[in-house]
C-alpha atoms as a PDB file:
ATOM      1  CA  UNK A   1      11.471 -16.254 -21.037  1.00  0.00           C
ATOM      2  CA  UNK A   2      13.767 -14.278 -19.751  1.00  0.00           C
ATOM      3  CA  UNK A   3      11.274 -11.656 -17.647  1.00  0.00           C
ATOM      4  CA  UNK A   4      12.692  -8.061 -16.779  1.00  0.00           C
ATOM      5  CA  UNK A   5      12.771  -6.954 -13.311  1.00  0.00           C
ATOM      6  CA  UNK A   6      14.401  -3.757 -11.525  1.00  0.00           C
ATOM      7  CA  UNK A   7      16.122  -5.070  -8.059  1.00  0.00           C
ATOM      8  CA  UNK A   8      15.059  -2.785  -4.739  1.00  0.00           C
ATOM      9  CA  UNK A   9      18.541  -0.666  -4.517  1.00  0.00           C
ATOM     10  CA  UNK A  10      17.869   0.881  -8.475  1.00  0.00           C
ATOM     11  CA  UNK A  11      14.240   1.257  -7.854  1.00  0.00           C
ATOM     12  CA  UNK A  12      14.990   2.836  -4.013  1.00  0.00           C
ATOM     13  CA  UNK A  13      17.464   5.064  -5.721  1.00  0.00           C
ATOM     14  CA  UNK A  14      15.401   6.049  -9.028  1.00  0.00           C
ATOM     15  CA  UNK A  15      12.668   7.239  -6.951  1.00  0.00           C
ATOM     16  CA  UNK A  16      15.367   9.583  -4.728  1.00  0.00           C
ATOM     17  CA  UNK A  17      16.540  10.780  -7.605  1.00  0.00           C
ATOM     18  CA  UNK A  18      13.156  12.030  -8.859  1.00  0.00           C
ATOM     19  CA  UNK A  19      12.008  13.159  -5.551  1.00  0.00           C
ATOM     20  CA  UNK A  20      14.940  15.631  -5.643  1.00  0.00           C
ATOM     21  CA  UNK A  21      14.400  16.589  -8.569  1.00  0.00           C
ATOM     22  CA  UNK A  22      10.882  17.513  -8.244  1.00  0.00           C
ATOM     23  CA  UNK A  23      11.716  19.493  -4.904  1.00  0.00           C
ATOM     24  CA  UNK A  24      14.198  21.385  -6.421  1.00  0.00           C
ATOM     25  CA  UNK A  25      11.553  22.338  -9.431  1.00  0.00           C
ATOM     26  CA  UNK A  26       8.797  22.921  -7.127  1.00  0.00           C
ATOM     27  CA  UNK A  27       6.581  20.557  -8.963  1.00  0.00           C
ATOM     28  CA  UNK A  28       6.462  16.870 -10.170  1.00  0.00           C
ATOM     29  CA  UNK A  29       8.817  16.777 -13.169  1.00  0.00           C
ATOM     30  CA  UNK A  30       9.375  13.803 -14.792  1.00  0.00           C
ATOM     31  CA  UNK A  31      12.352  11.285 -13.329  1.00  0.00           C
ATOM     32  CA  UNK A  32      15.666  12.982 -14.385  1.00  0.00           C
ATOM     33  CA  UNK A  33      16.779   9.297 -15.195  1.00  0.00           C
ATOM     34  CA  UNK A  34      15.004   5.288 -15.652  1.00  0.00           C
ATOM     35  CA  UNK A  35      16.290   2.418 -13.268  1.00  0.00           C
ATOM     36  CA  UNK A  36      18.176  -0.341 -14.138  1.00  0.00           C
ATOM     37  CA  UNK A  37      16.367  -3.249 -15.797  1.00  0.00           C
ATOM     38  CA  UNK A  38      17.951  -6.260 -15.859  1.00  0.00           C
ATOM     39  CA  UNK A  39      16.826 -10.062 -17.147  1.00  0.00           C
ATOM     40  CA  UNK A  40      15.739 -13.270 -15.345  1.00  0.00           C
ATOM     41  CA  UNK A  41      16.885 -16.213 -17.800  1.00  0.00           C
ATOM     42  CA  UNK A  42      13.501 -18.414 -16.407  1.00  0.00           C
ATOM     43  CA  UNK A  43      10.028 -18.812 -17.059  1.00  0.00           C
ATOM     44  CA  UNK A  44       7.569 -19.522 -19.461  1.00  0.00           C
ATOM     45  CA  UNK A  45       7.339 -18.096 -22.947  1.00  0.00           C
ATOM     46  CA  UNK A  46       5.741 -14.519 -22.688  1.00  0.00           C
ATOM     47  CA  UNK A  47       6.298 -10.799 -24.263  1.00  0.00           C
ATOM     48  CA  UNK A  48       6.675  -8.889 -21.681  1.00  0.00           C
ATOM     49  CA  UNK A  49       7.766  -5.383 -23.461  1.00  0.00           C
ATOM     50  CA  UNK A  50       4.766  -5.801 -25.726  1.00  0.00           C
ATOM     51  CA  UNK A  51       2.185  -7.267 -23.286  1.00  0.00           C
ATOM     52  CA  UNK A  52       2.701  -5.215 -20.147  1.00  0.00           C
ATOM     53  CA  UNK A  53       2.221  -1.552 -22.269  1.00  0.00           C
ATOM     54  CA  UNK A  54      -1.012  -3.407 -23.291  1.00  0.00           C
ATOM     55  CA  UNK A  55      -2.521  -4.174 -20.530  1.00  0.00           C
ATOM     56  CA  UNK A  56      -1.263  -0.210 -18.501  1.00  0.00           C
ATOM     57  CA  UNK A  57      -3.020   1.525 -21.585  1.00  0.00           C
ATOM     58  CA  UNK A  58      -5.852  -0.994 -20.912  1.00  0.00           C
ATOM     59  CA  UNK A  59      -5.952  -0.171 -17.029  1.00  0.00           C
ATOM     60  CA  UNK A  60      -5.123   3.582 -18.145  1.00  0.00           C
ATOM     61  CA  UNK A  61      -8.451   3.614 -19.937  1.00  0.00           C
ATOM     62  CA  UNK A  62     -10.428   2.340 -16.793  1.00  0.00           C
ATOM     63  CA  UNK A  63      -8.809   4.897 -14.422  1.00  0.00           C
ATOM     64  CA  UNK A  64      -9.592   7.960 -16.894  1.00  0.00           C
ATOM     65  CA  UNK A  65     -13.634   6.048 -17.663  1.00  0.00           C
ATOM     66  CA  UNK A  66     -14.857   4.926 -14.516  1.00  0.00           C
ATOM     67  CA  UNK A  67     -12.677   6.911 -11.808  1.00  0.00           C
ATOM     68  CA  UNK A  68     -10.369   5.223  -8.494  1.00  0.00           C
ATOM     69  CA  UNK A  69     -12.678   3.147  -6.966  1.00  0.00           C
ATOM     70  CA  UNK A  70     -13.609   1.205 -10.017  1.00  0.00           C
ATOM     71  CA  UNK A  71     -10.474   0.922 -11.082  1.00  0.00           C
ATOM     72  CA  UNK A  72      -9.294  -0.456  -7.835  1.00  0.00           C
ATOM     73  CA  UNK A  73     -12.096  -3.452  -8.361  1.00  0.00           C
ATOM     74  CA  UNK A  74     -12.385  -4.031 -11.847  1.00  0.00           C
ATOM     75  CA  UNK A  75      -8.602  -3.347 -12.414  1.00  0.00           C
ATOM     76  CA  UNK A  76      -7.900  -5.695 -10.484  1.00  0.00           C
ATOM     77  CA  UNK A  77      -9.851  -8.333 -12.554  1.00  0.00           C
ATOM     78  CA  UNK A  78      -8.641  -6.698 -15.429  1.00  0.00           C
ATOM     79  CA  UNK A  79      -5.201  -7.368 -14.585  1.00  0.00           C
ATOM     80  CA  UNK A  80      -5.100 -10.835 -13.069  1.00  0.00           C
ATOM     81  CA  UNK A  81      -7.005 -12.113 -16.335  1.00  0.00           C
ATOM     82  CA  UNK A  82      -4.101 -10.800 -18.575  1.00  0.00           C
ATOM     83  CA  UNK A  83      -1.212 -11.943 -16.651  1.00  0.00           C
ATOM     84  CA  UNK A  84       0.201 -15.681 -17.249  1.00  0.00           C
ATOM     85  CA  UNK A  85       1.079 -17.742 -14.202  1.00  0.00           C
ATOM     86  CA  UNK A  86       4.388 -17.112 -14.287  1.00  0.00           C
ATOM     87  CA  UNK A  87       7.563 -17.046 -12.282  1.00  0.00           C
ATOM     88  CA  UNK A  88       7.627 -13.316 -12.969  1.00  0.00           C
ATOM     89  CA  UNK A  89       4.774 -12.716 -10.643  1.00  0.00           C
ATOM     90  CA  UNK A  90       6.294 -14.132  -7.601  1.00  0.00           C
ATOM     91  CA  UNK A  91       9.386 -11.968  -8.061  1.00  0.00           C
ATOM     92  CA  UNK A  92       9.116  -8.564  -6.269  1.00  0.00           C
ATOM     93  CA  UNK A  93      11.538  -6.988  -8.205  1.00  0.00           C
ATOM     94  CA  UNK A  94       9.296  -7.915 -11.206  1.00  0.00           C
ATOM     95  CA  UNK A  95       6.800  -5.391 -10.218  1.00  0.00           C
ATOM     96  CA  UNK A  96       9.212  -3.327  -9.325  1.00  0.00           C
ATOM     97  CA  UNK A  97       9.881  -3.262 -13.142  1.00  0.00           C
ATOM     98  CA  UNK A  98       6.337  -3.066 -13.638  1.00  0.00           C
ATOM     99  CA  UNK A  99       5.659   0.307 -11.526  1.00  0.00           C
ATOM    100  CA  UNK A 100       9.137   2.174 -12.687  1.00  0.00           C
ATOM    101  CA  UNK A 101       9.035   1.856 -16.267  1.00  0.00           C
ATOM    102  CA  UNK A 102       5.709   0.376 -18.116  1.00  0.00           C
ATOM    103  CA  UNK A 103       3.658   1.330 -15.293  1.00  0.00           C
ATOM    104  CA  UNK A 104       5.077   4.452 -14.147  1.00  0.00           C
ATOM    105  CA  UNK A 105       2.671   7.094 -15.956  1.00  0.00           C
ATOM    106  CA  UNK A 106      -0.175   5.058 -14.853  1.00  0.00           C
ATOM    107  CA  UNK A 107       0.556   5.233 -10.780  1.00  0.00           C
ATOM    108  CA  UNK A 108       1.254   8.776 -11.619  1.00  0.00           C
ATOM    109  CA  UNK A 109      -2.408   9.737 -13.013  1.00  0.00           C
ATOM    110  CA  UNK A 110      -3.933   7.181  -9.712  1.00  0.00           C
ATOM    111  CA  UNK A 111      -2.070   9.384  -7.836  1.00  0.00           C
ATOM    112  CA  UNK A 112      -1.508  13.255  -9.426  1.00  0.00           C
ATOM    113  CA  UNK A 113      -0.332  16.449  -7.622  1.00  0.00           C
ATOM    114  CA  UNK A 114      -2.641  18.428  -6.051  1.00  0.00           C
ATOM    115  CA  UNK A 115      -2.213  21.965  -5.265  1.00  0.00           C
ATOM    116  CA  UNK A 116      -2.466  23.541  -1.773  1.00  0.00           C
ATOM    117  CA  UNK A 117      -5.559  24.884  -2.005  1.00  0.00           C
ATOM    118  CA  UNK A 118      -5.769  28.513   0.134  1.00  0.00           C
ATOM    119  CA  UNK A 119      -7.664  27.453   3.531  1.00  0.00           C
ATOM    120  CA  UNK A 120      -4.372  24.846   3.672  1.00  0.00           C
ATOM    121  CA  UNK A 121      -2.135  27.583   3.349  1.00  0.00           C
ATOM    122  CA  UNK A 122      -4.135  30.144   6.178  1.00  0.00           C
ATOM    123  CA  UNK A 123      -3.373  26.989   8.264  1.00  0.00           C
ATOM    124  CA  UNK A 124       0.016  26.068   7.622  1.00  0.00           C
ATOM    125  CA  UNK A 125       2.515  26.272  10.549  1.00  0.00           C
ATOM    126  CA  UNK A 126       5.434  28.636  10.733  1.00  0.00           C
ATOM    127  CA  UNK A 127       7.636  26.152   9.178  1.00  0.00           C
ATOM    128  CA  UNK A 128       5.695  23.566   6.270  1.00  0.00           C
ATOM    129  CA  UNK A 129       6.432  20.358   5.632  1.00  0.00           C
ATOM    130  CA  UNK A 130       7.410  19.685   2.189  1.00  0.00           C
ATOM    131  CA  UNK A 131       5.036  18.679  -0.823  1.00  0.00           C
ATOM    132  CA  UNK A 132       4.513  15.670  -1.283  1.00  0.00           C
ATOM    133  CA  UNK A 133       4.905  16.074  -5.406  1.00  0.00           C
ATOM    134  CA  UNK A 134       4.852  12.169  -6.373  1.00  0.00           C
ATOM    135  CA  UNK A 135       2.873   9.031  -5.233  1.00  0.00           C
ATOM    136  CA  UNK A 136       3.556   7.526  -1.811  1.00  0.00           C
ATOM    137  CA  UNK A 137       6.939   5.574  -2.677  1.00  0.00           C
ATOM    138  CA  UNK A 138       5.570   2.316  -1.756  1.00  0.00           C
ATOM    139  CA  UNK A 139       3.432   2.407  -5.066  1.00  0.00           C
ATOM    140  CA  UNK A 140       6.809   1.873  -7.022  1.00  0.00           C
ATOM    141  CA  UNK A 141       9.054  -0.128  -4.881  1.00  0.00           C
ATOM    142  CA  UNK A 142       9.401  -1.506  -1.144  1.00  0.00           C
ATOM    143  CA  UNK A 143       7.834  -3.752   1.530  1.00  0.00           C
ATOM    144  CA  UNK A 144       8.160  -6.894  -0.429  1.00  0.00           C
ATOM    145  CA  UNK A 145       5.753  -5.292  -3.461  1.00  0.00           C
ATOM    146  CA  UNK A 146       2.969  -5.356  -0.922  1.00  0.00           C
ATOM    147  CA  UNK A 147       2.147  -1.713  -1.911  1.00  0.00           C
ATOM    148  CA  UNK A 148       3.149  -1.598  -4.905  1.00  0.00           C
ATOM    149  CA  UNK A 149       0.399  -0.211  -6.836  1.00  0.00           C
ATOM    150  CA  UNK A 150       0.207  -3.504  -9.992  1.00  0.00           C
ATOM    151  CA  UNK A 151       1.143  -6.403  -6.896  1.00  0.00           C
ATOM    152  CA  UNK A 152      -1.649  -4.747  -5.171  1.00  0.00           C
ATOM    153  CA  UNK A 153      -4.172  -4.948  -7.663  1.00  0.00           C
ATOM    154  CA  UNK A 154      -2.932  -8.332  -8.783  1.00  0.00           C
ATOM    155  CA  UNK A 155      -2.991  -9.745  -5.403  1.00  0.00           C
ATOM    156  CA  UNK A 156      -6.958  -8.814  -4.441  1.00  0.00           C
ATOM    157  CA  UNK A 157      -7.931 -10.749  -7.478  1.00  0.00           C
ATOM    158  CA  UNK A 158      -6.179 -13.661  -6.892  1.00  0.00           C
ATOM    159  CA  UNK A 159      -6.934 -13.854  -3.375  1.00  0.00           C
ATOM    160  CA  UNK A 160     -10.060 -12.708  -4.033  1.00  0.00           C
ATOM    161  CA  UNK A 161     -10.616 -15.688  -7.131  1.00  0.00           C
ATOM    162  CA  UNK A 162     -13.065 -18.588  -6.232  1.00  0.00           C
ATOM    163  CA  UNK A 163     -10.405 -21.666  -6.890  1.00  0.00           C
ATOM    164  CA  UNK A 164     -13.500 -24.012  -6.014  1.00  0.00           C
ATOM    165  CA  UNK A 165     -15.452 -23.026  -9.226  1.00  0.00           C
ATOM    166  CA  UNK A 166     -18.741 -21.118  -9.320  1.00  0.00           C
ATOM    167  CA  UNK A 167     -21.660 -21.819 -10.712  1.00  0.00           C
ATOM    168  CA  UNK A 168     -21.550 -18.697 -12.673  1.00  0.00           C
ATOM    169  CA  UNK A 169     -18.592 -17.280 -14.574  1.00  0.00           C
ATOM    170  CA  UNK A 170     -18.956 -13.982 -13.171  1.00  0.00           C
ATOM    171  CA  UNK A 171     -18.757 -14.448  -9.785  1.00  0.00           C
ATOM    172  CA  UNK A 172     -15.224 -15.891 -10.331  1.00  0.00           C
ATOM    173  CA  UNK A 173     -13.829 -12.621  -8.920  1.00  0.00           C
ATOM    174  CA  UNK A 174     -17.239 -11.600  -6.505  1.00  0.00           C
ATOM    175  CA  UNK A 175     -15.009 -11.623  -3.574  1.00  0.00           C
ATOM    176  CA  UNK A 176     -12.456  -9.339  -5.566  1.00  0.00           C
ATOM    177  CA  UNK A 177     -14.477  -6.849  -6.967  1.00  0.00           C
ATOM    178  CA  UNK A 178     -16.459  -5.863  -3.829  1.00  0.00           C
ATOM    179  CA  UNK A 179     -14.952  -3.559  -0.576  1.00  0.00           C
ATOM    180  CA  UNK A 180     -13.335   0.352  -0.445  1.00  0.00           C
ATOM    181  CA  UNK A 181      -8.923   0.696  -1.360  1.00  0.00           C
ATOM    182  CA  UNK A 182      -8.479   1.164   2.382  1.00  0.00           C
ATOM    183  CA  UNK A 183     -10.235  -2.078   4.027  1.00  0.00           C
ATOM    184  CA  UNK A 184      -8.333  -4.472   1.237  1.00  0.00           C
ATOM    185  CA  UNK A 185      -4.843  -1.979   1.792  1.00  0.00           C
ATOM    186  CA  UNK A 186      -5.461  -1.846   6.133  1.00  0.00           C
ATOM    187  CA  UNK A 187      -7.079  -5.015   6.629  1.00  0.00           C
ATOM    188  CA  UNK A 188      -6.554  -8.009   4.045  1.00  0.00           C
ATOM    189  CA  UNK A 189      -3.566  -7.201   2.344  1.00  0.00           C
ATOM    190  CA  UNK A 190      -1.755  -5.644   5.566  1.00  0.00           C
ATOM    191  CA  UNK A 191      -2.124  -8.851   7.874  1.00  0.00           C
ATOM    192  CA  UNK A 192      -1.224 -12.561   8.172  1.00  0.00           C
ATOM    193  CA  UNK A 193      -4.954 -13.670   8.675  1.00  0.00           C
ATOM    194  CA  UNK A 194      -6.027 -12.434   4.918  1.00  0.00           C
ATOM    195  CA  UNK A 195      -2.883 -14.638   3.265  1.00  0.00           C
ATOM    196  CA  UNK A 196      -5.617 -17.539   3.733  1.00  0.00           C
ATOM    197  CA  UNK A 197      -8.636 -16.996   0.972  1.00  0.00           C
ATOM    198  CA  UNK A 198     -11.251 -18.774   2.936  1.00  0.00           C
ATOM    199  CA  UNK A 199     -10.353 -16.346   5.408  1.00  0.00           C
ATOM    200  CA  UNK A 200     -10.257 -13.468   3.324  1.00  0.00           C
ATOM    201  CA  UNK A 201     -13.445 -14.265   2.030  1.00  0.00           C
ATOM    202  CA  UNK A 202     -15.156 -14.832   4.811  1.00  0.00           C
ATOM    203  CA  UNK A 203     -14.197 -10.793   5.993  1.00  0.00           C
ATOM    204  CA  UNK A 204     -15.076  -9.720   3.017  1.00  0.00           C
ATOM    205  CA  UNK A 205     -18.805 -11.525   3.190  1.00  0.00           C
ATOM    206  CA  UNK A 206     -18.474 -10.780   7.074  1.00  0.00           C
ATOM    207  CA  UNK A 207     -17.615  -6.537   6.431  1.00  0.00           C
ATOM    208  CA  UNK A 208     -19.618  -6.266   3.000  1.00  0.00           C
ATOM    209  CA  UNK A 209     -22.944  -9.019   3.367  1.00  0.00           C
ATOM    210  CA  UNK A 210     -25.163  -7.154   0.685  1.00  0.00           C
ATOM    211  CA  UNK A 211     -25.439  -8.629  -2.774  1.00  0.00           C
ATOM    212  CA  UNK A 212     -23.761  -5.827  -4.816  1.00  0.00           C
ATOM    213  CA  UNK A 213     -21.442  -5.124  -1.945  1.00  0.00           C
ATOM    214  CA  UNK A 214     -21.472  -1.533  -1.599  1.00  0.00           C
ATOM    215  CA  UNK A 215     -22.662  -0.890   2.296  1.00  0.00           C
ATOM    216  CA  UNK A 216     -19.905  -1.734   5.078  1.00  0.00           C
ATOM    217  CA  UNK A 217     -21.625  -3.442   7.768  1.00  0.00           C
ATOM    218  CA  UNK A 218     -19.013  -1.883  10.588  1.00  0.00           C
ATOM    219  CA  UNK A 219     -18.325   2.145  10.719  1.00  0.00           C
ATOM    220  CA  UNK A 220     -14.629   2.666  10.478  1.00  0.00           C
ATOM    221  CA  UNK A 221     -13.478   2.700  13.876  1.00  0.00           C
ATOM    222  CA  UNK A 222     -15.224  -0.629  14.256  1.00  0.00           C
ATOM    223  CA  UNK A 223     -13.375  -2.052  11.577  1.00  0.00           C
ATOM    224  CA  UNK A 224     -10.220  -0.697  12.613  1.00  0.00           C
ATOM    225  CA  UNK A 225     -10.810  -2.119  16.058  1.00  0.00           C
ATOM    226  CA  UNK A 226     -11.981  -5.923  14.685  1.00  0.00           C
ATOM    227  CA  UNK A 227      -8.832  -5.970  12.567  1.00  0.00           C
ATOM    228  CA  UNK A 228      -6.749  -5.342  15.757  1.00  0.00           C
ATOM    229  CA  UNK A 229      -8.825  -7.838  17.730  1.00  0.00           C
ATOM    230  CA  UNK A 230      -8.298 -10.779  14.741  1.00  0.00           C
ATOM    231  CA  UNK A 231      -4.657 -10.320  14.846  1.00  0.00           C
ATOM    232  CA  UNK A 232      -4.498 -10.747  17.881  1.00  0.00           C
ATOM    233  CA  UNK A 233      -7.249 -13.706  18.216  1.00  0.00           C
ATOM    234  CA  UNK A 234      -4.922 -15.605  15.161  1.00  0.00           C
ATOM    235  CA  UNK A 235      -2.076 -15.381  16.805  1.00  0.00           C
ATOM    236  CA  UNK A 236      -3.556 -19.137  18.835  1.00  0.00           C
ATOM    237  CA  UNK A 237      -5.561 -20.270  16.172  1.00  0.00           C
ATOM    238  CA  UNK A 238      -4.659 -22.043  13.018  1.00  0.00           C
ATOM    239  CA  UNK A 239      -6.056 -19.891  10.874  1.00  0.00           C
ATOM    240  CA  UNK A 240      -5.132 -22.165   7.224  1.00  0.00           C
ATOM    241  CA  UNK A 241      -7.284 -25.496   8.842  1.00  0.00           C
ATOM    242  CA  UNK A 242     -10.277 -23.372   8.654  1.00  0.00           C
ATOM    243  CA  UNK A 243     -12.846 -23.399   5.709  1.00  0.00           C
ATOM    244  CA  UNK A 244     -14.549 -20.255   5.295  1.00  0.00           C
ATOM    245  CA  UNK A 245     -17.653 -21.427   6.880  1.00  0.00           C
ATOM    246  CA  UNK A 246     -15.613 -21.371   9.886  1.00  0.00           C
ATOM    247  CA  UNK A 247     -13.717 -18.431   9.663  1.00  0.00           C
ATOM    248  CA  UNK A 248     -16.636 -16.695   9.189  1.00  0.00           C
ATOM    249  CA  UNK A 249     -18.007 -18.580  12.977  1.00  0.00           C
ATOM    250  CA  UNK A 250     -14.663 -17.451  14.092  1.00  0.00           C
ATOM    251  CA  UNK A 251     -14.883 -13.473  13.093  1.00  0.00           C
ATOM    252  CA  UNK A 252     -18.615 -13.430  14.004  1.00  0.00           C
ATOM    253  CA  UNK A 253     -17.095 -14.509  17.672  1.00  0.00           C
ATOM    254  CA  UNK A 254     -14.401 -12.295  17.759  1.00  0.00           C
ATOM    255  CA  UNK A 255     -16.671  -9.128  16.496  1.00  0.00           C
ATOM    256  CA  UNK A 256     -19.512 -10.310  19.380  1.00  0.00           C
ATOM    257  CA  UNK A 257     -16.518 -10.025  22.267  1.00  0.00           C
ATOM    258  CA  UNK A 258     -15.255  -6.412  20.519  1.00  0.00           C
ATOM    259  CA  UNK A 259     -18.781  -5.426  20.001  1.00  0.00           C
ATOM    260  CA  UNK A 260     -19.313  -5.886  24.086  1.00  0.00           C
ATOM    261  CA  UNK A 261     -15.929  -4.304  25.247  1.00  0.00           C
ATOM    262  CA  UNK A 262     -15.457  -1.318  23.315  1.00  0.00           C
ATOM    263  CA  UNK A 263     -19.740  -0.458  23.368  1.00  0.00           C
ATOM    264  CA  UNK A 264     -19.756   0.486  19.983  1.00  0.00           C
ATOM    265  CA  UNK A 265     -22.491   3.088  19.777  1.00  0.00           C
ATOM    266  CA  UNK A 266     -23.458   3.573  16.206  1.00  0.00           C
ATOM    267  CA  UNK A 267     -25.236   6.696  15.047  1.00  0.00           C
END
């Protein structure tokens, strides 16, 4: 069945006009127009125009009830379970449609505009920067959809899902639920080594070893340095040949070198 998409150029042009309208109004306003929606005539039967708004409603209810952190972890699982295995999910421009048309207001809710406080105003330079009235553009379009909010949720669940089965069905998405938004965006979704599922899961195990996966092992400066050193080390290793245990051992070795060389002092 045909699926909807919005071209990258159309989405970028739409965002620019919306951004300009907000600057002119000095506030967040509704976009002056909608991006051009087209259809790709391939794929299995799925009623996108009916099903996607229903999924967005469920995600909106989750965000309102449980907040941003739970939205990213639980929302990833909700979205992944609701979407079919379809050609559309491999098309960045489908995700642009998802974010700019049925999901736009949810992106806005996830990233509400916050007025400057009096303290902020007192600390400004003589020529302050223009306020960011809108969520970052990458939540809607850009970088092959890597940062688009809904793709970010879906790929988190897709990569964290246990594909080799689990004795307990509740643990199938165990790895997708662990870790903060920043950990996933900066140290998993933006780097090549995390495209290999066993390595990604080993990294989640390393940084969030507890049963609830709510306490990070390394501090923010430490995990940032480790991520850099992993990227360098992976340039000389065929990561895709490693299983989860081998990946875990590899990460531990790199961390041993990183911590020794940097002489980290935990406070």
